[in-house]
Amino acid sequence: MKENVLDVLMYLFENYFYDEPDEQPDRESLEENLHEAGFSNGEIDKAFEWLDGLAEQRFQPDFNMQTAEPIRVFIDSEINRLDTNCRDFLVYLSNIGILDPQRREQVLDRLMALESDEIMLEDVKWVVLMVLFNQPGQEASYAWMEDLMFDTEQDYRH
């Protein structure tokens, strides 16, 4: 079974965090369940490292933007791993207000933390959903993103 970090994260999100967010299973029982589901030690460890990075961002204070509409320029490493559809989608989410500048940077940080050479649009959607789910006060944005998650025919224009 060839899995990657995002597969482990999606499994955790769908089976533990999304359905029962108030229950906090301990790391040991999660690891055991992931092993039973067929995930490897390496991918499980990487997924927990990714989640630790996400948890660290939860308590960072919001940064203050001086302009009403900041411009985000993607750097080479982001361009190499995020195709035009992915970048357009992130700009679209920013323009419609689902991602504020800080959440956008958190999403980009978590996307770059994935160890895949190329990141697909579906991967971006999942990471956005996980970041918004993790952030207090982002319930409305999370609900919008959840609706967008399953809309496969939408054209994202920025």
N, C-alpha and C. Protein backbone atom coordinates (compact mmCIF):
# COMPACT_ATOMS: atom_id res chain seq x y z
N MET A 1 0.85 -1.18 0.00
CA MET A 1 0.00 0.00 0.00
C MET A 1 0.90 1.24 0.00
N LYS A 2 0.87 2.00 -1.10
CA LYS A 2 1.70 3.19 -1.19
C LYS A 2 0.87 4.39 -0.73
N GLU A 3 1.22 4.91 0.39
CA GLU A 3 0.50 6.04 0.97
C GLU A 3 1.46 7.20 1.12
N ASN A 4 0.91 8.40 1.24
CA ASN A 4 1.76 9.54 1.56
C ASN A 4 1.19 10.25 2.78
N VAL A 5 1.88 11.27 3.21
CA VAL A 5 1.49 11.99 4.43
C VAL A 5 0.06 12.50 4.33
N LEU A 6 -0.31 13.04 3.18
CA LEU A 6 -1.65 13.59 3.03
C LEU A 6 -2.72 12.50 3.18
N ASP A 7 -2.44 11.29 2.70
CA ASP A 7 -3.39 10.20 2.87
C ASP A 7 -3.62 9.90 4.36
N VAL A 8 -2.56 9.91 5.13
CA VAL A 8 -2.68 9.68 6.58
C VAL A 8 -3.47 10.82 7.21
N LEU A 9 -3.15 12.06 6.83
CA LEU A 9 -3.85 13.21 7.39
C LEU A 9 -5.33 13.19 7.05
N MET A 10 -5.65 12.86 5.80
CA MET A 10 -7.05 12.79 5.39
C MET A 10 -7.78 11.69 6.16
N TYR A 11 -7.12 10.56 6.36
CA TYR A 11 -7.71 9.47 7.14
C TYR A 11 -8.02 9.94 8.56
N LEU A 12 -7.05 10.58 9.18
CA LEU A 12 -7.25 11.10 10.54
C LEU A 12 -8.38 12.12 10.58
N PHE A 13 -8.37 13.03 9.64
CA PHE A 13 -9.38 14.09 9.61
C PHE A 13 -10.78 13.50 9.44
N GLU A 14 -10.92 12.60 8.47
CA GLU A 14 -12.23 12.02 8.19
C GLU A 14 -12.74 11.12 9.31
N ASN A 15 -11.83 10.40 9.97
CA ASN A 15 -12.25 9.40 10.95
C ASN A 15 -12.22 9.86 12.40
N TYR A 16 -11.48 10.91 12.71
CA TYR A 16 -11.34 11.30 14.12
C TYR A 16 -11.68 12.75 14.37
N PHE A 17 -11.18 13.65 13.56
CA PHE A 17 -11.33 15.06 13.87
C PHE A 17 -12.65 15.62 13.36
N TYR A 18 -13.06 15.25 12.16
CA TYR A 18 -14.25 15.81 11.54
C TYR A 18 -15.53 15.32 12.21
N ASP A 19 -15.66 14.02 12.37
CA ASP A 19 -16.90 13.45 12.91
C ASP A 19 -17.09 13.70 14.39
N GLU A 20 -16.00 13.68 15.16
CA GLU A 20 -16.11 13.84 16.60
C GLU A 20 -15.02 14.79 17.09
N PRO A 21 -15.16 16.10 16.78
CA PRO A 21 -14.09 17.03 17.12
C PRO A 21 -13.90 17.24 18.62
N ASP A 22 -14.90 16.94 19.43
CA ASP A 22 -14.76 17.14 20.86
C ASP A 22 -13.96 16.04 21.53
N GLU A 23 -13.96 14.86 20.92
CA GLU A 23 -13.19 13.75 21.47
C GLU A 23 -11.74 13.89 21.02
N GLN A 24 -10.83 13.79 21.94
CA GLN A 24 -9.40 13.91 21.64
C GLN A 24 -8.71 12.58 21.92
N PRO A 25 -8.67 11.68 20.92
CA PRO A 25 -7.98 10.42 21.16
C PRO A 25 -6.49 10.67 21.38
N ASP A 26 -5.87 9.86 22.21
CA ASP A 26 -4.46 10.06 22.48
C ASP A 26 -3.64 9.58 21.28
N ARG A 27 -2.43 10.09 21.20
CA ARG A 27 -1.55 9.81 20.07
C ARG A 27 -1.27 8.31 19.92
N GLU A 28 -1.11 7.65 21.04
CA GLU A 28 -0.80 6.21 21.01
C GLU A 28 -1.93 5.42 20.36
N SER A 29 -3.17 5.71 20.74
CA SER A 29 -4.30 4.97 20.16
C SER A 29 -4.48 5.34 18.68
N LEU A 30 -4.21 6.61 18.33
CA LEU A 30 -4.28 7.00 16.93
C LEU A 30 -3.24 6.22 16.12
N GLU A 31 -2.01 6.14 16.63
CA GLU A 31 -0.95 5.40 15.94
C GLU A 31 -1.35 3.94 15.74
N GLU A 32 -1.89 3.35 16.77
CA GLU A 32 -2.31 1.95 16.69
C GLU A 32 -3.38 1.78 15.62
N ASN A 33 -4.36 2.67 15.59
CA ASN A 33 -5.42 2.59 14.59
C ASN A 33 -4.88 2.83 13.18
N LEU A 34 -3.91 3.71 13.05
CA LEU A 34 -3.31 3.96 11.74
C LEU A 34 -2.54 2.73 11.25
N HIS A 35 -1.85 2.06 12.16
CA HIS A 35 -1.15 0.82 11.80
C HIS A 35 -2.16 -0.23 11.34
N GLU A 36 -3.26 -0.34 12.07
CA GLU A 36 -4.30 -1.30 11.70
C GLU A 36 -4.91 -0.97 10.34
N ALA A 37 -4.95 0.32 9.99
CA ALA A 37 -5.49 0.75 8.70
C ALA A 37 -4.49 0.53 7.57
N GLY A 38 -3.24 0.16 7.91
CA GLY A 38 -2.26 -0.17 6.89
C GLY A 38 -1.23 0.89 6.58
N PHE A 39 -1.14 1.93 7.39
CA PHE A 39 -0.16 2.98 7.15
C PHE A 39 1.19 2.59 7.76
N SER A 40 2.27 3.04 7.14
CA SER A 40 3.62 2.70 7.61
C SER A 40 4.06 3.64 8.73
N ASN A 41 5.05 3.18 9.51
CA ASN A 41 5.59 3.99 10.60
C ASN A 41 6.09 5.34 10.11
N GLY A 42 6.82 5.33 8.99
CA GLY A 42 7.38 6.57 8.47
C GLY A 42 6.32 7.59 8.12
N GLU A 43 5.27 7.16 7.44
CA GLU A 43 4.21 8.08 7.06
C GLU A 43 3.42 8.55 8.27
N ILE A 44 3.23 7.70 9.24
CA ILE A 44 2.53 8.09 10.46
C ILE A 44 3.34 9.14 11.21
N ASP A 45 4.64 8.92 11.34
CA ASP A 45 5.51 9.90 12.02
C ASP A 45 5.49 11.25 11.30
N LYS A 46 5.57 11.22 9.98
CA LYS A 46 5.56 12.47 9.21
C LYS A 46 4.22 13.18 9.37
N ALA A 47 3.13 12.42 9.42
CA ALA A 47 1.81 13.03 9.59
C ALA A 47 1.69 13.71 10.96
N PHE A 48 2.22 13.07 11.99
CA PHE A 48 2.18 13.68 13.32
C PHE A 48 3.07 14.92 13.38
N GLU A 49 4.21 14.91 12.69
CA GLU A 49 5.06 16.11 12.61
C GLU A 49 4.30 17.24 11.93
N TRP A 50 3.57 16.91 10.86
CA TRP A 50 2.79 17.90 10.12
C TRP A 50 1.72 18.49 11.04
N LEU A 51 1.03 17.63 11.77
CA LEU A 51 -0.01 18.08 12.70
C LEU A 51 0.57 18.93 13.82
N ASP A 52 1.76 18.56 14.30
CA ASP A 52 2.43 19.38 15.32
C ASP A 52 2.71 20.78 14.79
N GLY A 53 3.15 20.88 13.54
CA GLY A 53 3.39 22.18 12.91
C GLY A 53 2.10 22.98 12.80
N LEU A 54 1.02 22.31 12.46
CA LEU A 54 -0.28 22.98 12.38
C LEU A 54 -0.73 23.46 13.76
N ALA A 55 -0.53 22.64 14.77
CA ALA A 55 -0.92 23.01 16.13
C ALA A 55 -0.13 24.21 16.63
N GLU A 56 1.14 24.29 16.28
CA GLU A 56 1.96 25.44 16.67
C GLU A 56 1.42 26.73 16.09
N GLN A 57 0.87 26.67 14.89
CA GLN A 57 0.33 27.87 14.25
C GLN A 57 -0.98 28.32 14.87
N ARG A 58 -1.66 27.45 15.53
CA ARG A 58 -2.97 27.78 16.11
C ARG A 58 -2.88 28.92 17.12
N PHE A 59 -1.78 28.99 17.83
CA PHE A 59 -1.67 29.96 18.91
C PHE A 59 -0.79 31.15 18.56
N GLN A 60 -0.42 31.29 17.30
CA GLN A 60 0.35 32.46 16.90
C GLN A 60 -0.60 33.64 16.76
N PRO A 61 -0.20 34.81 17.24
CA PRO A 61 -1.08 35.97 17.11
C PRO A 61 -1.22 36.36 15.64
N ASP A 62 -2.39 36.90 15.31
CA ASP A 62 -2.60 37.38 13.95
C ASP A 62 -1.64 38.52 13.67
N PHE A 63 -1.06 38.50 12.47
CA PHE A 63 -0.19 39.62 12.13
C PHE A 63 -1.03 40.73 11.53
N ASN A 64 -0.55 41.92 11.65
CA ASN A 64 -1.29 43.10 11.24
C ASN A 64 -0.85 43.53 9.85
N MET A 65 -1.77 43.55 8.91
CA MET A 65 -1.46 43.95 7.54
C MET A 65 -1.71 45.45 7.41
N GLN A 66 -0.79 46.13 6.78
CA GLN A 66 -0.90 47.58 6.62
C GLN A 66 -1.82 47.98 5.47
N THR A 67 -1.97 47.12 4.48
CA THR A 67 -2.83 47.44 3.34
C THR A 67 -4.08 46.58 3.39
N ALA A 68 -5.15 47.10 2.77
CA ALA A 68 -6.40 46.37 2.77
C ALA A 68 -6.32 45.12 1.90
N GLU A 69 -5.61 45.18 0.80
CA GLU A 69 -5.50 44.05 -0.10
C GLU A 69 -4.04 43.75 -0.41
N PRO A 70 -3.39 42.98 0.45
CA PRO A 70 -1.98 42.68 0.21
C PRO A 70 -1.81 41.81 -1.04
N ILE A 71 -0.70 41.98 -1.69
CA ILE A 71 -0.38 41.18 -2.87
C ILE A 71 0.55 40.07 -2.44
N ARG A 72 0.24 38.86 -2.85
CA ARG A 72 1.07 37.71 -2.50
C ARG A 72 1.80 37.25 -3.76
N VAL A 73 3.10 37.26 -3.70
CA VAL A 73 3.92 36.77 -4.81
C VAL A 73 4.44 35.40 -4.41
N PHE A 74 4.18 34.42 -5.24
CA PHE A 74 4.64 33.07 -4.96
C PHE A 74 6.12 32.96 -5.28
N ILE A 75 6.86 32.28 -4.39
CA ILE A 75 8.29 32.10 -4.60
C ILE A 75 8.52 30.85 -5.46
N ASP A 76 9.74 30.69 -5.95
CA ASP A 76 10.05 29.60 -6.87
C ASP A 76 9.68 28.22 -6.34
N SER A 77 9.99 27.95 -5.08
CA SER A 77 9.68 26.62 -4.53
C SER A 77 8.17 26.37 -4.51
N GLU A 78 7.37 27.41 -4.29
CA GLU A 78 5.91 27.26 -4.33
C GLU A 78 5.43 27.06 -5.76
N ILE A 79 6.00 27.82 -6.69
CA ILE A 79 5.62 27.69 -8.09
C ILE A 79 5.97 26.30 -8.62
N ASN A 80 7.10 25.77 -8.19
CA ASN A 80 7.53 24.45 -8.66
C ASN A 80 6.63 23.33 -8.16
N ARG A 81 6.03 23.50 -7.00
CA ARG A 81 5.22 22.43 -6.43
C ARG A 81 3.72 22.65 -6.56
N LEU A 82 3.31 23.90 -6.76
CA LEU A 82 1.88 24.23 -6.90
C LEU A 82 1.64 24.68 -8.34
N ASP A 83 0.86 23.93 -9.08
CA ASP A 83 0.60 24.35 -10.46
C ASP A 83 -0.32 25.57 -10.48
N THR A 84 -0.58 26.06 -11.67
CA THR A 84 -1.38 27.28 -11.83
C THR A 84 -2.77 27.12 -11.21
N ASN A 85 -3.40 25.96 -11.37
CA ASN A 85 -4.72 25.74 -10.78
C ASN A 85 -4.69 25.88 -9.26
N CYS A 86 -3.67 25.34 -8.63
CA CYS A 86 -3.54 25.43 -7.18
C CYS A 86 -3.34 26.87 -6.73
N ARG A 87 -2.45 27.57 -7.40
CA ARG A 87 -2.19 28.97 -7.04
C ARG A 87 -3.42 29.84 -7.29
N ASP A 88 -4.10 29.61 -8.41
CA ASP A 88 -5.33 30.35 -8.71
C ASP A 88 -6.39 30.10 -7.64
N PHE A 89 -6.49 28.88 -7.20
CA PHE A 89 -7.47 28.53 -6.17
C PHE A 89 -7.18 29.27 -4.87
N LEU A 90 -5.92 29.33 -4.48
CA LEU A 90 -5.55 30.05 -3.26
C LEU A 90 -5.85 31.55 -3.38
N VAL A 91 -5.57 32.12 -4.54
CA VAL A 91 -5.88 33.53 -4.77
C VAL A 91 -7.40 33.73 -4.72
N TYR A 92 -8.13 32.82 -5.34
CA TYR A 92 -9.59 32.87 -5.33
C TYR A 92 -10.13 32.85 -3.89
N LEU A 93 -9.62 31.93 -3.07
CA LEU A 93 -10.07 31.85 -1.68
C LEU A 93 -9.75 33.13 -0.91
N SER A 94 -8.63 33.74 -1.23
CA SER A 94 -8.27 35.02 -0.59
C SER A 94 -9.21 36.12 -1.04
N ASN A 95 -9.50 36.15 -2.33
CA ASN A 95 -10.35 37.21 -2.87
C ASN A 95 -11.79 37.14 -2.38
N ILE A 96 -12.30 35.95 -2.13
CA ILE A 96 -13.68 35.84 -1.65
C ILE A 96 -13.77 35.84 -0.13
N GLY A 97 -12.62 35.95 0.54
CA GLY A 97 -12.62 36.11 1.98
C GLY A 97 -12.57 34.84 2.80
N ILE A 98 -12.40 33.69 2.17
CA ILE A 98 -12.29 32.45 2.94
C ILE A 98 -10.94 32.39 3.64
N LEU A 99 -9.89 32.82 2.94
CA LEU A 99 -8.55 32.86 3.54
C LEU A 99 -8.11 34.29 3.73
N ASP A 100 -7.91 34.69 4.96
CA ASP A 100 -7.29 35.99 5.20
C ASP A 100 -5.78 35.80 5.00
N PRO A 101 -5.01 36.87 4.98
CA PRO A 101 -3.56 36.72 4.70
C PRO A 101 -2.85 35.75 5.64
N GLN A 102 -3.20 35.74 6.92
CA GLN A 102 -2.52 34.83 7.84
C GLN A 102 -2.89 33.38 7.56
N ARG A 103 -4.16 33.09 7.34
CA ARG A 103 -4.58 31.72 7.04
C ARG A 103 -3.96 31.26 5.72
N ARG A 104 -3.87 32.16 4.74
CA ARG A 104 -3.26 31.81 3.46
C ARG A 104 -1.80 31.38 3.67
N GLU A 105 -1.08 32.12 4.50
CA GLU A 105 0.31 31.77 4.77
C GLU A 105 0.41 30.46 5.53
N GLN A 106 -0.53 30.21 6.42
CA GLN A 106 -0.54 28.94 7.14
C GLN A 106 -0.79 27.78 6.18
N VAL A 107 -1.71 27.98 5.25
CA VAL A 107 -1.99 26.94 4.25
C VAL A 107 -0.74 26.69 3.41
N LEU A 108 -0.11 27.75 2.95
CA LEU A 108 1.11 27.58 2.15
C LEU A 108 2.21 26.89 2.95
N ASP A 109 2.36 27.24 4.21
CA ASP A 109 3.35 26.58 5.05
C ASP A 109 3.07 25.09 5.16
N ARG A 110 1.82 24.73 5.39
CA ARG A 110 1.47 23.31 5.53
C ARG A 110 1.57 22.58 4.19
N LEU A 111 1.27 23.25 3.09
CA LEU A 111 1.44 22.62 1.78
C LEU A 111 2.91 22.34 1.50
N MET A 112 3.76 23.29 1.82
CA MET A 112 5.19 23.10 1.59
C MET A 112 5.77 22.04 2.54
N ALA A 113 5.10 21.81 3.68
CA ALA A 113 5.56 20.80 4.63
C ALA A 113 5.23 19.39 4.15
N LEU A 114 4.32 19.26 3.18
CA LEU A 114 4.05 17.95 2.60
C LEU A 114 5.26 17.54 1.79
N GLU A 115 5.60 16.29 1.82
CA GLU A 115 6.82 15.84 1.15
C GLU A 115 6.55 15.29 -0.24
N SER A 116 5.67 15.93 -0.98
CA SER A 116 5.43 15.49 -2.35
C SER A 116 5.96 16.55 -3.30
N ASP A 117 6.49 16.08 -4.42
CA ASP A 117 7.08 16.99 -5.40
C ASP A 117 6.04 17.88 -6.05
N GLU A 118 4.89 17.30 -6.34
CA GLU A 118 3.83 18.06 -6.98
C GLU A 118 2.57 17.95 -6.14
N ILE A 119 1.93 19.05 -5.91
CA ILE A 119 0.73 19.10 -5.09
C ILE A 119 -0.45 19.38 -6.01
N MET A 120 -1.48 18.57 -5.90
CA MET A 120 -2.66 18.68 -6.76
C MET A 120 -3.71 19.57 -6.10
N LEU A 121 -4.67 20.04 -6.89
CA LEU A 121 -5.73 20.91 -6.39
C LEU A 121 -6.51 20.24 -5.26
N GLU A 122 -6.78 18.97 -5.39
CA GLU A 122 -7.51 18.25 -4.34
C GLU A 122 -6.73 18.28 -3.02
N ASP A 123 -5.40 18.18 -3.10
CA ASP A 123 -4.55 18.26 -1.91
C ASP A 123 -4.67 19.64 -1.26
N VAL A 124 -4.68 20.67 -2.08
CA VAL A 124 -4.80 22.04 -1.57
C VAL A 124 -6.12 22.21 -0.83
N LYS A 125 -7.19 21.71 -1.41
CA LYS A 125 -8.50 21.81 -0.77
C LYS A 125 -8.50 21.15 0.61
N TRP A 126 -7.90 19.97 0.70
CA TRP A 126 -7.86 19.27 1.98
C TRP A 126 -7.04 20.04 3.01
N VAL A 127 -5.91 20.57 2.58
CA VAL A 127 -5.06 21.30 3.52
C VAL A 127 -5.78 22.57 3.99
N VAL A 128 -6.45 23.28 3.09
CA VAL A 128 -7.21 24.47 3.48
C VAL A 128 -8.27 24.07 4.51
N LEU A 129 -8.97 23.00 4.25
CA LEU A 129 -10.01 22.55 5.17
C LEU A 129 -9.43 22.23 6.54
N MET A 130 -8.29 21.55 6.57
CA MET A 130 -7.67 21.19 7.85
C MET A 130 -7.17 22.43 8.60
N VAL A 131 -6.60 23.38 7.88
CA VAL A 131 -6.11 24.61 8.53
C VAL A 131 -7.27 25.39 9.12
N LEU A 132 -8.35 25.56 8.35
CA LEU A 132 -9.51 26.31 8.85
C LEU A 132 -10.16 25.59 10.02
N PHE A 133 -10.21 24.28 9.97
CA PHE A 133 -10.79 23.50 11.06
C PHE A 133 -10.01 23.71 12.35
N ASN A 134 -8.72 23.89 12.22
CA ASN A 134 -7.82 24.03 13.36
C ASN A 134 -7.83 25.44 13.97
N GLN A 135 -8.35 26.42 13.25
CA GLN A 135 -8.27 27.82 13.68
C GLN A 135 -9.55 28.28 14.36
N PRO A 136 -9.44 28.75 15.60
CA PRO A 136 -10.63 29.30 16.26
C PRO A 136 -11.13 30.54 15.52
N GLY A 137 -12.43 30.69 15.46
CA GLY A 137 -13.02 31.86 14.82
C GLY A 137 -13.14 31.75 13.31
N GLN A 138 -12.84 30.59 12.74
CA GLN A 138 -12.89 30.42 11.29
C GLN A 138 -14.04 29.51 10.86
N GLU A 139 -15.07 29.42 11.69
CA GLU A 139 -16.16 28.49 11.42
C GLU A 139 -16.89 28.82 10.11
N ALA A 140 -17.14 30.09 9.85
CA ALA A 140 -17.84 30.48 8.61
C ALA A 140 -16.99 30.15 7.39
N SER A 141 -15.71 30.46 7.47
CA SER A 141 -14.81 30.14 6.35
C SER A 141 -14.72 28.63 6.16
N TYR A 142 -14.68 27.90 7.26
CA TYR A 142 -14.63 26.45 7.18
C TYR A 142 -15.89 25.91 6.48
N ALA A 143 -17.05 26.45 6.83
CA ALA A 143 -18.30 26.00 6.21
C ALA A 143 -18.30 26.29 4.71
N TRP A 144 -17.81 27.47 4.31
CA TRP A 144 -17.71 27.81 2.90
C TRP A 144 -16.78 26.83 2.19
N MET A 145 -15.65 26.58 2.82
CA MET A 145 -14.66 25.69 2.22
C MET A 145 -15.20 24.28 2.11
N GLU A 146 -15.95 23.86 3.09
CA GLU A 146 -16.55 22.52 3.05
C GLU A 146 -17.49 22.41 1.85
N ASP A 147 -18.25 23.46 1.58
CA ASP A 147 -19.13 23.46 0.40
C ASP A 147 -18.30 23.43 -0.89
N LEU A 148 -17.23 24.22 -0.94
CA LEU A 148 -16.37 24.26 -2.12
C LEU A 148 -15.65 22.93 -2.34
N MET A 149 -15.38 22.22 -1.28
CA MET A 149 -14.64 20.97 -1.34
C MET A 149 -15.25 19.99 -2.31
N PHE A 150 -16.55 19.97 -2.35
CA PHE A 150 -17.24 18.96 -3.14
C PHE A 150 -17.83 19.52 -4.42
N ASP A 151 -17.47 20.75 -4.76
CA ASP A 151 -17.90 21.38 -6.00
C ASP A 151 -16.76 21.25 -7.00
N THR A 152 -16.80 20.23 -7.85
CA THR A 152 -15.68 19.94 -8.73
C THR A 152 -15.73 20.71 -10.04
N GLU A 153 -16.83 21.35 -10.34
CA GLU A 153 -16.96 21.99 -11.66
C GLU A 153 -16.83 23.51 -11.59
N GLN A 154 -16.46 24.03 -10.49
CA GLN A 154 -16.35 25.49 -10.34
C GLN A 154 -15.10 26.01 -11.01
N ASP A 155 -15.22 27.16 -11.64
CA ASP A 155 -14.09 27.83 -12.27
C ASP A 155 -13.61 28.90 -11.29
N TYR A 156 -12.34 28.83 -10.89
CA TYR A 156 -11.81 29.74 -9.89
C TYR A 156 -11.14 30.92 -10.57
N ARG A 157 -11.75 32.07 -10.41
CA ARG A 157 -11.20 33.26 -11.03
C ARG A 157 -10.77 34.23 -9.96
N HIS A 158 -9.61 34.82 -10.15
CA HIS A 158 -9.14 35.82 -9.22
C HIS A 158 -9.14 37.14 -9.94
